[in-house]
Amino acid sequence: MIKIEGLTKEFITDKKKPPLVAVNDLTLEVNEGEVFGFLGPNGAGKTTTVRMLCSLIAPTRGRAVVNNYDVVKHGQKVRACVGILTETPGMYERLSADKNLTIFARLYGVKDVPGQVEKYLRMLGLWERRFDEVGSFSKGMRQKLAIARTLLHEPSVIFLDEPTSGLDPEAAHLVRDFIDDLKKEGKTIFLCTHNLDEADRLCQRIGIFKSRLITVDTPDALRQRMFGRTVVFNLASLAPEWTAMVSELPFVTGVKPVDNKLVVDLKDPEAQNPVIIRRLVEAGAEVRFVGELRHSLEDIYLQTINETKG
């Protein structure tokens, strides 16, 4: 659905200096129906990448295809089949929500303009405010209206740039639920976000990016690659010899006693947990419960960025 090969964007800021490289040799594929998270610090080139993929600016070098259309050769067709939500979407503030969506629906060539406008105003909870000026809307309402505008022409590929930025928890929750609904419909979504918990919940794969692509994988695969898997055995009490006993098992890569817990690094907890539990019980331990320590996407992101700095 999205295929990128060697995509590069340079900006000339001073003729006497080398060009500023905003995006450097990006190669990536995003599958049809996938929610792909594009993560990186401010100034990393995420928005520049989205603008190139939406045929809003031309790349300096490289090639990108969106929905089988080349972003340089078929720019008009690309813009017709994608929806883009920018971080700060502009609206006609003196016009009503209904009028704003009607204007954009006509620009997109939507056949049933009133029907599509009503569909998305209702879907996003704005139908009762459809005749109110957008200037009177809260930030959350404006963001919902911007999402409606993004989807009016039923795009097959959707680019979302910080869709929940600055929203209160209720509005952010609604937007995330809506993205999840789009995911279930099989839409291809390219999500740029600083909200790492949001990316962890919504995205099948993530790419960590800082002018160049550093790594791409599923969140769980990145966790295992960077940290392995860590299981916490919660005990009624902890005898010193039990730490040594567990560490001697051939499949255990690390053991740390913490209060009445054993924190154990394993490669395959599903197969190895029962062996450890049996050994502990045979040694007289009372195992209260067992849980896996889950590293956050923030841990993965920070470690990746810090390693890149080094």
C-alpha atoms as a PDB file:
ATOM      1  CA  MET A   1       0.000   0.000   0.000  1.00  0.00           C
ATOM      2  CA  ILE A   2       2.919   2.350   0.788  1.00  0.00           C
ATOM      3  CA  LYS A   3       6.328   1.560  -0.695  1.00  0.00           C
ATOM      4  CA  ILE A   4       9.280   3.901  -0.109  1.00  0.00           C
ATOM      5  CA  GLU A   5      12.731   3.484  -1.633  1.00  0.00           C
ATOM      6  CA  GLY A   6      15.647   5.772  -0.757  1.00  0.00           C
ATOM      7  CA  LEU A   7      13.401   8.759  -0.096  1.00  0.00           C
ATOM      8  CA  THR A   8      15.440  11.866   0.714  1.00  0.00           C
ATOM      9  CA  LYS A   9      14.493  15.495   1.261  1.00  0.00           C
ATOM     10  CA  GLU A  10      17.008  18.314   1.477  1.00  0.00           C
ATOM     11  CA  PHE A  11      16.296  21.992   2.141  1.00  0.00           C
ATOM     12  CA  ILE A  12      18.644  24.778   1.085  1.00  0.00           C
ATOM     13  CA  THR A  13      18.688  27.318   3.926  1.00  0.00           C
ATOM     14  CA  ASP A  14      21.891  29.116   2.937  1.00  0.00           C
ATOM     15  CA  LYS A  15      23.562  28.891  -0.488  1.00  0.00           C
ATOM     16  CA  LYS A  16      26.957  29.072   1.211  1.00  0.00           C
ATOM     17  CA  LYS A  17      26.234  26.067   3.426  1.00  0.00           C
ATOM     18  CA  PRO A  18      25.435  22.405   2.683  1.00  0.00           C
ATOM     19  CA  PRO A  19      21.699  21.635   2.411  1.00  0.00           C
ATOM     20  CA  LEU A  20      19.772  20.598   5.508  1.00  0.00           C
ATOM     21  CA  VAL A  21      18.889  16.885   5.242  1.00  0.00           C
ATOM     22  CA  ALA A  22      15.420  16.469   6.769  1.00  0.00           C
ATOM     23  CA  VAL A  23      14.818  12.902   5.557  1.00  0.00           C
ATOM     24  CA  ASN A  24      17.761  10.678   4.662  1.00  0.00           C
ATOM     25  CA  ASP A  25      17.473   7.604   2.428  1.00  0.00           C
ATOM     26  CA  LEU A  26      14.205   6.289   3.871  1.00  0.00           C
ATOM     27  CA  THR A  27      13.238   2.801   2.697  1.00  0.00           C
ATOM     28  CA  LEU A  28      10.064   1.295   4.132  1.00  0.00           C
ATOM     29  CA  GLU A  29       6.927  -0.668   3.261  1.00  0.00           C
ATOM     30  CA  VAL A  30       3.560  -0.300   4.999  1.00  0.00           C
ATOM     31  CA  ASN A  31       1.094  -3.097   4.295  1.00  0.00           C
ATOM     32  CA  GLU A  32      -2.516  -2.693   3.277  1.00  0.00           C
ATOM     33  CA  GLY A  33      -4.768  -2.512   6.340  1.00  0.00           C
ATOM     34  CA  GLU A  34      -1.840  -1.895   8.696  1.00  0.00           C
ATOM     35  CA  VAL A  35      -1.625   0.765  11.391  1.00  0.00           C
ATOM     36  CA  PHE A  36       2.003   1.867  11.272  1.00  0.00           C
ATOM     37  CA  GLY A  37       3.459   4.086  13.987  1.00  0.00           C
ATOM     38  CA  PHE A  38       6.132   6.583  12.921  1.00  0.00           C
ATOM     39  CA  LEU A  39       7.965   7.726  16.056  1.00  0.00           C
ATOM     40  CA  GLY A  40      10.707  10.262  16.528  1.00  0.00           C
ATOM     41  CA  PRO A  41      11.679  13.450  18.349  1.00  0.00           C
ATOM     42  CA  ASN A  42      10.648  16.939  17.246  1.00  0.00           C
ATOM     43  CA  GLY A  43      12.516  17.944  14.118  1.00  0.00           C
ATOM     44  CA  ALA A  44      13.224  14.336  13.130  1.00  0.00           C
ATOM     45  CA  GLY A  45      11.552  14.721   9.717  1.00  0.00           C
ATOM     46  CA  LYS A  46       8.267  12.903  10.391  1.00  0.00           C
ATOM     47  CA  THR A  47       6.018  15.674   9.068  1.00  0.00           C
ATOM     48  CA  THR A  48       8.299  16.204   6.056  1.00  0.00           C
ATOM     49  CA  THR A  49       7.950  12.482   5.290  1.00  0.00           C
ATOM     50  CA  VAL A  50       4.150  12.681   5.478  1.00  0.00           C
ATOM     51  CA  ARG A  51       4.085  15.704   3.184  1.00  0.00           C
ATOM     52  CA  MET A  52       6.144  13.851   0.583  1.00  0.00           C
ATOM     53  CA  LEU A  53       3.939  10.761   0.815  1.00  0.00           C
ATOM     54  CA  CYS A  54       0.835  12.924   0.316  1.00  0.00           C
ATOM     55  CA  SER A  55       2.365  14.631  -2.754  1.00  0.00           C
ATOM     56  CA  LEU A  56       2.404  18.015  -1.024  1.00  0.00           C
ATOM     57  CA  ILE A  57       6.165  18.479  -1.464  1.00  0.00           C
ATOM     58  CA  ALA A  58       8.531  16.707  -3.845  1.00  0.00           C
ATOM     59  CA  PRO A  59      11.426  14.541  -2.657  1.00  0.00           C
ATOM     60  CA  THR A  60      14.981  15.505  -3.544  1.00  0.00           C
ATOM     61  CA  ARG A  61      15.821  11.889  -4.350  1.00  0.00           C
ATOM     62  CA  GLY A  62      14.227   8.484  -4.113  1.00  0.00           C
ATOM     63  CA  ARG A  63      10.799   7.142  -4.893  1.00  0.00           C
ATOM     64  CA  ALA A  64       7.532   6.509  -3.065  1.00  0.00           C
ATOM     65  CA  VAL A  65       4.342   4.771  -4.177  1.00  0.00           C
ATOM     66  CA  VAL A  66       1.037   5.181  -2.318  1.00  0.00           C
ATOM     67  CA  ASN A  67      -1.935   3.033  -3.323  1.00  0.00           C
ATOM     68  CA  ASN A  68      -0.035   2.127  -6.540  1.00  0.00           C
ATOM     69  CA  TYR A  69       0.499   5.796  -7.474  1.00  0.00           C
ATOM     70  CA  ASP A  70       3.922   7.413  -7.688  1.00  0.00           C
ATOM     71  CA  VAL A  71       3.950  10.484  -5.426  1.00  0.00           C
ATOM     72  CA  VAL A  72       5.833  12.550  -8.037  1.00  0.00           C
ATOM     73  CA  LYS A  73       4.313  11.329 -11.304  1.00  0.00           C
ATOM     74  CA  HIS A  74       0.724  10.906 -10.070  1.00  0.00           C
ATOM     75  CA  GLY A  75       0.421  13.612  -7.411  1.00  0.00           C
ATOM     76  CA  GLN A  76      -3.214  14.453  -8.092  1.00  0.00           C
ATOM     77  CA  LYS A  77      -4.272  10.810  -7.842  1.00  0.00           C
ATOM     78  CA  VAL A  78      -2.311  10.387  -4.615  1.00  0.00           C
ATOM     79  CA  ARG A  79      -3.985  13.438  -3.057  1.00  0.00           C
ATOM     80  CA  ALA A  80      -7.387  12.100  -4.096  1.00  0.00           C
ATOM     81  CA  CYS A  81      -6.940   8.721  -2.401  1.00  0.00           C
ATOM     82  CA  VAL A  82      -5.308   9.797   0.873  1.00  0.00           C
ATOM     83  CA  GLY A  83      -6.635  11.608   3.917  1.00  0.00           C
ATOM     84  CA  ILE A  84      -4.303  13.734   6.012  1.00  0.00           C
ATOM     85  CA  LEU A  85      -4.803  15.145   9.489  1.00  0.00           C
ATOM     86  CA  THR A  86      -2.119  17.694  10.280  1.00  0.00           C
ATOM     87  CA  GLU A  87      -1.049  18.595  13.809  1.00  0.00           C
ATOM     88  CA  THR A  88      -2.651  22.048  13.493  1.00  0.00           C
ATOM     89  CA  PRO A  89      -5.528  21.679  11.005  1.00  0.00           C
ATOM     90  CA  GLY A  90      -6.903  24.974   9.720  1.00  0.00           C
ATOM     91  CA  MET A  91     -10.647  25.596   9.626  1.00  0.00           C
ATOM     92  CA  TYR A  92     -12.861  28.484   8.523  1.00  0.00           C
ATOM     93  CA  GLU A  93     -13.681  29.698  12.014  1.00  0.00           C
ATOM     94  CA  ARG A  94     -16.542  32.025  11.043  1.00  0.00           C
ATOM     95  CA  LEU A  95     -18.321  29.237   9.188  1.00  0.00           C
ATOM     96  CA  SER A  96     -20.332  26.429  10.736  1.00  0.00           C
ATOM     97  CA  ALA A  97     -19.124  22.850  11.057  1.00  0.00           C
ATOM     98  CA  ASP A  98     -21.622  21.834   8.378  1.00  0.00           C
ATOM     99  CA  LYS A  99     -20.410  24.537   5.983  1.00  0.00           C
ATOM    100  CA  ASN A 100     -16.735  23.679   6.563  1.00  0.00           C
ATOM    101  CA  LEU A 101     -17.270  20.009   5.726  1.00  0.00           C
ATOM    102  CA  THR A 102     -19.499  20.860   2.763  1.00  0.00           C
ATOM    103  CA  ILE A 103     -16.768  23.005   1.208  1.00  0.00           C
ATOM    104  CA  PHE A 104     -14.145  20.295   1.543  1.00  0.00           C
ATOM    105  CA  ALA A 105     -16.491  17.531   0.396  1.00  0.00           C
ATOM    106  CA  ARG A 106     -17.121  19.483  -2.819  1.00  0.00           C
ATOM    107  CA  LEU A 107     -13.387  20.046  -3.315  1.00  0.00           C
ATOM    108  CA  TYR A 108     -12.862  16.282  -3.021  1.00  0.00           C
ATOM    109  CA  GLY A 109     -15.656  15.614  -5.521  1.00  0.00           C
ATOM    110  CA  VAL A 110     -17.785  13.654  -3.041  1.00  0.00           C
ATOM    111  CA  LYS A 111     -20.994  12.493  -4.747  1.00  0.00           C
ATOM    112  CA  ASP A 112     -23.407  12.620  -1.802  1.00  0.00           C
ATOM    113  CA  VAL A 113     -22.152  15.726  -0.011  1.00  0.00           C
ATOM    114  CA  PRO A 114     -25.009  16.143   2.530  1.00  0.00           C
ATOM    115  CA  GLY A 115     -24.989  12.410   3.302  1.00  0.00           C
ATOM    116  CA  GLN A 116     -21.237  12.245   3.953  1.00  0.00           C
ATOM    117  CA  VAL A 117     -21.272  15.426   6.029  1.00  0.00           C
ATOM    118  CA  GLU A 118     -24.092  14.082   8.196  1.00  0.00           C
ATOM    119  CA  LYS A 119     -22.444  10.650   8.498  1.00  0.00           C
ATOM    120  CA  TYR A 120     -19.226  11.969  10.002  1.00  0.00           C
ATOM    121  CA  LEU A 121     -20.761  14.734  12.093  1.00  0.00           C
ATOM    122  CA  ARG A 122     -22.968  12.119  13.733  1.00  0.00           C
ATOM    123  CA  MET A 123     -20.158   9.588  14.026  1.00  0.00           C
ATOM    124  CA  LEU A 124     -17.960  12.087  15.859  1.00  0.00           C
ATOM    125  CA  GLY A 125     -20.706  13.500  18.072  1.00  0.00           C
ATOM    126  CA  LEU A 126     -20.940  16.928  16.405  1.00  0.00           C
ATOM    127  CA  TRP A 127     -24.351  16.695  14.744  1.00  0.00           C
ATOM    128  CA  GLU A 128     -26.124  18.811  17.362  1.00  0.00           C
ATOM    129  CA  ARG A 129     -23.525  21.565  16.869  1.00  0.00           C
ATOM    130  CA  ARG A 130     -23.480  21.435  13.078  1.00  0.00           C
ATOM    131  CA  PHE A 131     -24.753  25.005  12.597  1.00  0.00           C
ATOM    132  CA  ASP A 132     -22.445  26.568  15.208  1.00  0.00           C
ATOM    133  CA  GLU A 133     -19.405  28.557  14.136  1.00  0.00           C
ATOM    134  CA  VAL A 134     -16.202  26.534  14.379  1.00  0.00           C
ATOM    135  CA  GLY A 135     -14.608  29.454  16.239  1.00  0.00           C
ATOM    136  CA  SER A 136     -16.837  28.601  19.208  1.00  0.00           C
ATOM    137  CA  PHE A 137     -15.604  24.978  19.348  1.00  0.00           C
ATOM    138  CA  SER A 138     -13.209  23.594  21.958  1.00  0.00           C
ATOM    139  CA  LYS A 139      -9.873  22.138  20.800  1.00  0.00           C
ATOM    140  CA  GLY A 140     -11.275  18.633  21.141  1.00  0.00           C
ATOM    141  CA  MET A 141     -14.303  19.459  18.998  1.00  0.00           C
ATOM    142  CA  ARG A 142     -12.102  21.073  16.361  1.00  0.00           C
ATOM    143  CA  GLN A 143      -9.924  17.979  16.272  1.00  0.00           C
ATOM    144  CA  LYS A 144     -12.980  15.768  15.801  1.00  0.00           C
ATOM    145  CA  LEU A 145     -14.151  18.046  12.986  1.00  0.00           C
ATOM    146  CA  ALA A 146     -10.698  17.814  11.400  1.00  0.00           C
ATOM    147  CA  ILE A 147     -10.905  14.017  11.533  1.00  0.00           C
ATOM    148  CA  ALA A 148     -14.305  14.180   9.850  1.00  0.00           C
ATOM    149  CA  ARG A 149     -12.788  16.353   7.115  1.00  0.00           C
ATOM    150  CA  THR A 150      -9.946  13.841   6.676  1.00  0.00           C
ATOM    151  CA  LEU A 151     -12.412  10.996   6.053  1.00  0.00           C
ATOM    152  CA  LEU A 152     -15.131  12.690   3.960  1.00  0.00           C
ATOM    153  CA  HIS A 153     -13.951  11.202   0.660  1.00  0.00           C
ATOM    154  CA  GLU A 154     -13.435   7.707   2.158  1.00  0.00           C
ATOM    155  CA  PRO A 155      -9.653   7.546   1.605  1.00  0.00           C
ATOM    156  CA  SER A 156      -7.955   4.158   1.530  1.00  0.00           C
ATOM    157  CA  VAL A 157      -4.777   5.533   3.156  1.00  0.00           C
ATOM    158  CA  ILE A 158      -4.899   7.875   6.144  1.00  0.00           C
ATOM    159  CA  PHE A 159      -2.028   9.958   7.528  1.00  0.00           C
ATOM    160  CA  LEU A 160      -2.487  11.168  11.099  1.00  0.00           C
ATOM    161  CA  ASP A 161       0.047  13.645  12.483  1.00  0.00           C
ATOM    162  CA  GLU A 162      -0.294  13.893  16.298  1.00  0.00           C
ATOM    163  CA  PRO A 163      -4.083  13.264  16.272  1.00  0.00           C
ATOM    164  CA  THR A 164      -4.499  13.550  20.075  1.00  0.00           C
ATOM    165  CA  SER A 165      -2.016  16.366  20.712  1.00  0.00           C
ATOM    166  CA  GLY A 166      -3.354  18.817  23.301  1.00  0.00           C
ATOM    167  CA  LEU A 167      -6.664  17.013  23.780  1.00  0.00           C
ATOM    168  CA  ASP A 168      -8.222  16.355  27.183  1.00  0.00           C
ATOM    169  CA  PRO A 169      -8.373  12.657  28.226  1.00  0.00           C
ATOM    170  CA  GLU A 170     -12.004  12.207  27.152  1.00  0.00           C
ATOM    171  CA  ALA A 171     -11.472  13.680  23.675  1.00  0.00           C
ATOM    172  CA  ALA A 172      -8.200  11.759  23.240  1.00  0.00           C
ATOM    173  CA  HIS A 173      -9.977   8.529  24.213  1.00  0.00           C
ATOM    174  CA  LEU A 174     -12.695   9.186  21.616  1.00  0.00           C
ATOM    175  CA  VAL A 175     -10.093   9.820  18.913  1.00  0.00           C
ATOM    176  CA  ARG A 176      -8.197   6.625  19.794  1.00  0.00           C
ATOM    177  CA  ASP A 177     -11.430   4.617  19.694  1.00  0.00           C
ATOM    178  CA  PHE A 178     -12.178   6.106  16.290  1.00  0.00           C
ATOM    179  CA  ILE A 179      -8.721   5.132  15.006  1.00  0.00           C
ATOM    180  CA  ASP A 180      -9.337   1.628  16.330  1.00  0.00           C
ATOM    181  CA  ASP A 181     -12.632   1.520  14.391  1.00  0.00           C
ATOM    182  CA  LEU A 182     -10.809   2.563  11.207  1.00  0.00           C
ATOM    183  CA  LYS A 183      -8.279  -0.182  11.874  1.00  0.00           C
ATOM    184  CA  LYS A 184     -11.096  -2.747  12.068  1.00  0.00           C
ATOM    185  CA  GLU A 185     -12.426  -1.473   8.720  1.00  0.00           C
ATOM    186  CA  GLY A 186      -9.076  -2.351   7.127  1.00  0.00           C
ATOM    187  CA  LYS A 187      -7.890   1.203   6.495  1.00  0.00           C
ATOM    188  CA  THR A 188      -4.166   1.735   6.100  1.00  0.00           C
ATOM    189  CA  ILE A 189      -3.066   4.258   8.728  1.00  0.00           C
ATOM    190  CA  PHE A 190       0.281   6.027   8.994  1.00  0.00           C
ATOM    191  CA  LEU A 191       0.368   7.452  12.517  1.00  0.00           C
ATOM    192  CA  CYS A 192       2.898  10.032  13.700  1.00  0.00           C
ATOM    193  CA  THR A 193       2.652  10.485  17.449  1.00  0.00           C
ATOM    194  CA  HIS A 194       4.582  11.405  20.588  1.00  0.00           C
ATOM    195  CA  ASN A 195       2.094   9.425  22.666  1.00  0.00           C
ATOM    196  CA  LEU A 196       3.987   6.150  22.996  1.00  0.00           C
ATOM    197  CA  ASP A 197       1.251   4.383  24.948  1.00  0.00           C
ATOM    198  CA  GLU A 198      -1.130   5.282  22.129  1.00  0.00           C
ATOM    199  CA  ALA A 199       1.255   3.847  19.529  1.00  0.00           C
ATOM    200  CA  ASP A 200       1.714   0.678  21.588  1.00  0.00           C
ATOM    201  CA  ARG A 201      -2.038   0.095  21.733  1.00  0.00           C
ATOM    202  CA  LEU A 202      -2.933   0.985  18.152  1.00  0.00           C
ATOM    203  CA  CYS A 203      -0.001   0.018  15.920  1.00  0.00           C
ATOM    204  CA  GLN A 204       0.889  -3.394  14.526  1.00  0.00           C
ATOM    205  CA  ARG A 205       4.403  -2.151  13.749  1.00  0.00           C
ATOM    206  CA  ILE A 206       6.406   0.917  14.625  1.00  0.00           C
ATOM    207  CA  GLY A 207       9.368   2.651  13.039  1.00  0.00           C
ATOM    208  CA  ILE A 208      11.701   4.809  15.116  1.00  0.00           C
ATOM    209  CA  PHE A 209      12.994   7.641  12.977  1.00  0.00           C
ATOM    210  CA  LYS A 210      15.470  10.497  13.261  1.00  0.00           C
ATOM    211  CA  SER A 211      16.051  11.836   9.737  1.00  0.00           C
ATOM    212  CA  ARG A 212      16.811   8.197   8.905  1.00  0.00           C
ATOM    213  CA  LEU A 213      14.984   5.010   9.866  1.00  0.00           C
ATOM    214  CA  ILE A 214      16.668   3.458  12.902  1.00  0.00           C
ATOM    215  CA  THR A 215      14.544   0.357  13.467  1.00  0.00           C
ATOM    216  CA  VAL A 216      11.203  -1.215  12.440  1.00  0.00           C
ATOM    217  CA  ASP A 217       9.307  -4.074  14.073  1.00  0.00           C
ATOM    218  CA  THR A 218       6.301  -4.938  16.193  1.00  0.00           C
ATOM    219  CA  PRO A 219       6.359  -3.474  19.727  1.00  0.00           C
ATOM    220  CA  ASP A 220       6.577  -6.960  21.255  1.00  0.00           C
ATOM    221  CA  ALA A 221       9.450  -8.016  18.985  1.00  0.00           C
ATOM    222  CA  LEU A 222      11.363  -4.851  19.867  1.00  0.00           C
ATOM    223  CA  ARG A 223      10.806  -5.535  23.583  1.00  0.00           C
ATOM    224  CA  GLN A 224      12.164  -9.050  23.284  1.00  0.00           C
ATOM    225  CA  ARG A 225      15.104  -7.994  21.124  1.00  0.00           C
ATOM    226  CA  MET A 226      16.172  -5.214  23.509  1.00  0.00           C
ATOM    227  CA  PHE A 227      15.210  -6.540  26.918  1.00  0.00           C
ATOM    228  CA  GLY A 228      14.299 -10.216  26.554  1.00  0.00           C
ATOM    229  CA  ARG A 229      11.395 -11.310  28.746  1.00  0.00           C
ATOM    230  CA  THR A 230      11.305 -10.832  32.496  1.00  0.00           C
ATOM    231  CA  VAL A 231       9.047 -12.804  34.841  1.00  0.00           C
ATOM    232  CA  VAL A 232       8.346 -11.874  38.475  1.00  0.00           C
ATOM    233  CA  PHE A 233       7.698 -14.750  40.905  1.00  0.00           C
ATOM    234  CA  ASN A 234       5.894 -13.319  43.938  1.00  0.00           C
ATOM    235  CA  LEU A 235       6.542 -15.448  47.043  1.00  0.00           C
ATOM    236  CA  ALA A 236       5.249 -15.441  50.630  1.00  0.00           C
ATOM    237  CA  SER A 237       8.903 -15.218  51.737  1.00  0.00           C
ATOM    238  CA  LEU A 238      12.275 -15.516  50.031  1.00  0.00           C
ATOM    239  CA  ALA A 239      15.102 -17.766  51.229  1.00  0.00           C
ATOM    240  CA  PRO A 240      18.593 -16.744  50.027  1.00  0.00           C
ATOM    241  CA  GLU A 241      19.376 -20.170  48.545  1.00  0.00           C
ATOM    242  CA  TRP A 242      16.406 -20.028  46.164  1.00  0.00           C
ATOM    243  CA  THR A 243      18.054 -17.307  44.077  1.00  0.00           C
ATOM    244  CA  ALA A 244      21.082 -19.530  43.459  1.00  0.00           C
ATOM    245  CA  MET A 245      18.868 -22.551  42.784  1.00  0.00           C
ATOM    246  CA  VAL A 246      16.895 -20.734  40.055  1.00  0.00           C
ATOM    247  CA  SER A 247      20.013 -19.146  38.524  1.00  0.00           C
ATOM    248  CA  GLU A 248      21.538 -22.614  38.013  1.00  0.00           C
ATOM    249  CA  LEU A 249      18.743 -23.644  35.621  1.00  0.00           C
ATOM    250  CA  PRO A 250      20.250 -23.737  32.089  1.00  0.00           C
ATOM    251  CA  PHE A 251      17.568 -21.588  30.459  1.00  0.00           C
ATOM    252  CA  VAL A 252      17.711 -18.750  33.011  1.00  0.00           C
ATOM    253  CA  THR A 253      19.729 -15.753  31.783  1.00  0.00           C
ATOM    254  CA  GLY A 254      19.435 -13.635  34.938  1.00  0.00           C
ATOM    255  CA  VAL A 255      17.930 -13.627  38.452  1.00  0.00           C
ATOM    256  CA  LYS A 256      17.457 -10.728  40.843  1.00  0.00           C
ATOM    257  CA  PRO A 257      15.899 -10.974  44.335  1.00  0.00           C
ATOM    258  CA  VAL A 258      13.676  -7.997  45.246  1.00  0.00           C
ATOM    259  CA  ASP A 259      11.908  -8.120  48.641  1.00  0.00           C
ATOM    260  CA  ASN A 260       9.861 -11.363  48.493  1.00  0.00           C
ATOM    261  CA  LYS A 261      10.153 -11.612  44.706  1.00  0.00           C
ATOM    262  CA  LEU A 262      12.428 -13.315  42.226  1.00  0.00           C
ATOM    263  CA  VAL A 263      12.845 -11.336  38.991  1.00  0.00           C
ATOM    264  CA  VAL A 264      13.942 -13.832  36.337  1.00  0.00           C
ATOM    265  CA  ASP A 265      15.057 -13.249  32.732  1.00  0.00           C
ATOM    266  CA  LEU A 266      13.817 -15.953  30.351  1.00  0.00           C
ATOM    267  CA  LYS A 267      13.535 -16.561  26.625  1.00  0.00           C
ATOM    268  CA  ASP A 268      10.380 -18.699  26.692  1.00  0.00           C
ATOM    269  CA  PRO A 269       8.355 -18.074  29.882  1.00  0.00           C
ATOM    270  CA  GLU A 270       5.376 -20.138  28.730  1.00  0.00           C
ATOM    271  CA  ALA A 271       7.521 -23.286  28.647  1.00  0.00           C
ATOM    272  CA  GLN A 272       9.952 -22.421  31.448  1.00  0.00           C
ATOM    273  CA  ASN A 273       7.713 -20.899  34.160  1.00  0.00           C
ATOM    274  CA  PRO A 274       6.246 -24.301  35.229  1.00  0.00           C
ATOM    275  CA  VAL A 275       9.764 -25.721  35.752  1.00  0.00           C
ATOM    276  CA  ILE A 276      10.742 -22.815  38.010  1.00  0.00           C
ATOM    277  CA  ILE A 277       7.481 -23.013  39.959  1.00  0.00           C
ATOM    278  CA  ARG A 278       7.986 -26.759  40.574  1.00  0.00           C
ATOM    279  CA  ARG A 279      11.544 -26.187  41.811  1.00  0.00           C
ATOM    280  CA  LEU A 280      10.443 -23.395  44.145  1.00  0.00           C
ATOM    281  CA  VAL A 281       7.548 -25.420  45.577  1.00  0.00           C
ATOM    282  CA  GLU A 282       9.798 -28.479  46.082  1.00  0.00           C
ATOM    283  CA  ALA A 283      12.230 -26.208  47.965  1.00  0.00           C
ATOM    284  CA  GLY A 284       9.417 -25.081  50.289  1.00  0.00           C
ATOM    285  CA  ALA A 285       8.465 -21.775  48.656  1.00  0.00           C
ATOM    286  CA  GLU A 286       4.874 -20.559  48.660  1.00  0.00           C
ATOM    287  CA  VAL A 287       4.262 -19.052  45.200  1.00  0.00           C
ATOM    288  CA  ARG A 288       1.507 -16.462  45.454  1.00  0.00           C
ATOM    289  CA  PHE A 289       1.374 -15.383  41.829  1.00  0.00           C
ATOM    290  CA  VAL A 290       3.499 -14.988  38.703  1.00  0.00           C
ATOM    291  CA  GLY A 291       3.507 -12.048  36.331  1.00  0.00           C
ATOM    292  CA  GLU A 292       5.560 -10.819  33.386  1.00  0.00           C
ATOM    293  CA  LEU A 293       7.333  -7.483  33.662  1.00  0.00           C
ATOM    294  CA  ARG A 294       6.409  -5.591  30.515  1.00  0.00           C
ATOM    295  CA  HIS A 295       8.797  -2.920  29.310  1.00  0.00           C
ATOM    296  CA  SER A 296       6.989   0.115  27.939  1.00  0.00           C
ATOM    297  CA  LEU A 297       7.333   1.421  24.411  1.00  0.00           C
ATOM    298  CA  GLU A 298       8.867   4.490  26.047  1.00  0.00           C
ATOM    299  CA  ASP A 299      11.724   2.288  27.346  1.00  0.00           C
ATOM    300  CA  ILE A 300      12.292   0.969  23.818  1.00  0.00           C
ATOM    301  CA  TYR A 301      12.091   4.411  22.243  1.00  0.00           C
ATOM    302  CA  LEU A 302      14.457   6.114  24.706  1.00  0.00           C
ATOM    303  CA  GLN A 303      17.036   3.324  24.526  1.00  0.00           C
ATOM    304  CA  THR A 304      16.948   3.388  20.705  1.00  0.00           C
ATOM    305  CA  ILE A 305      17.320   7.165  20.506  1.00  0.00           C
ATOM    306  CA  ASN A 306      20.086   7.202  23.137  1.00  0.00           C
ATOM    307  CA  GLU A 307      22.026   4.461  21.345  1.00  0.00           C
ATOM    308  CA  THR A 308      21.767   6.504  18.145  1.00  0.00           C
ATOM    309  CA  LYS A 309      23.225   9.550  19.923  1.00  0.00           C
ATOM    310  CA  GLY A 310      26.146   7.421  21.008  1.00  0.00           C
END
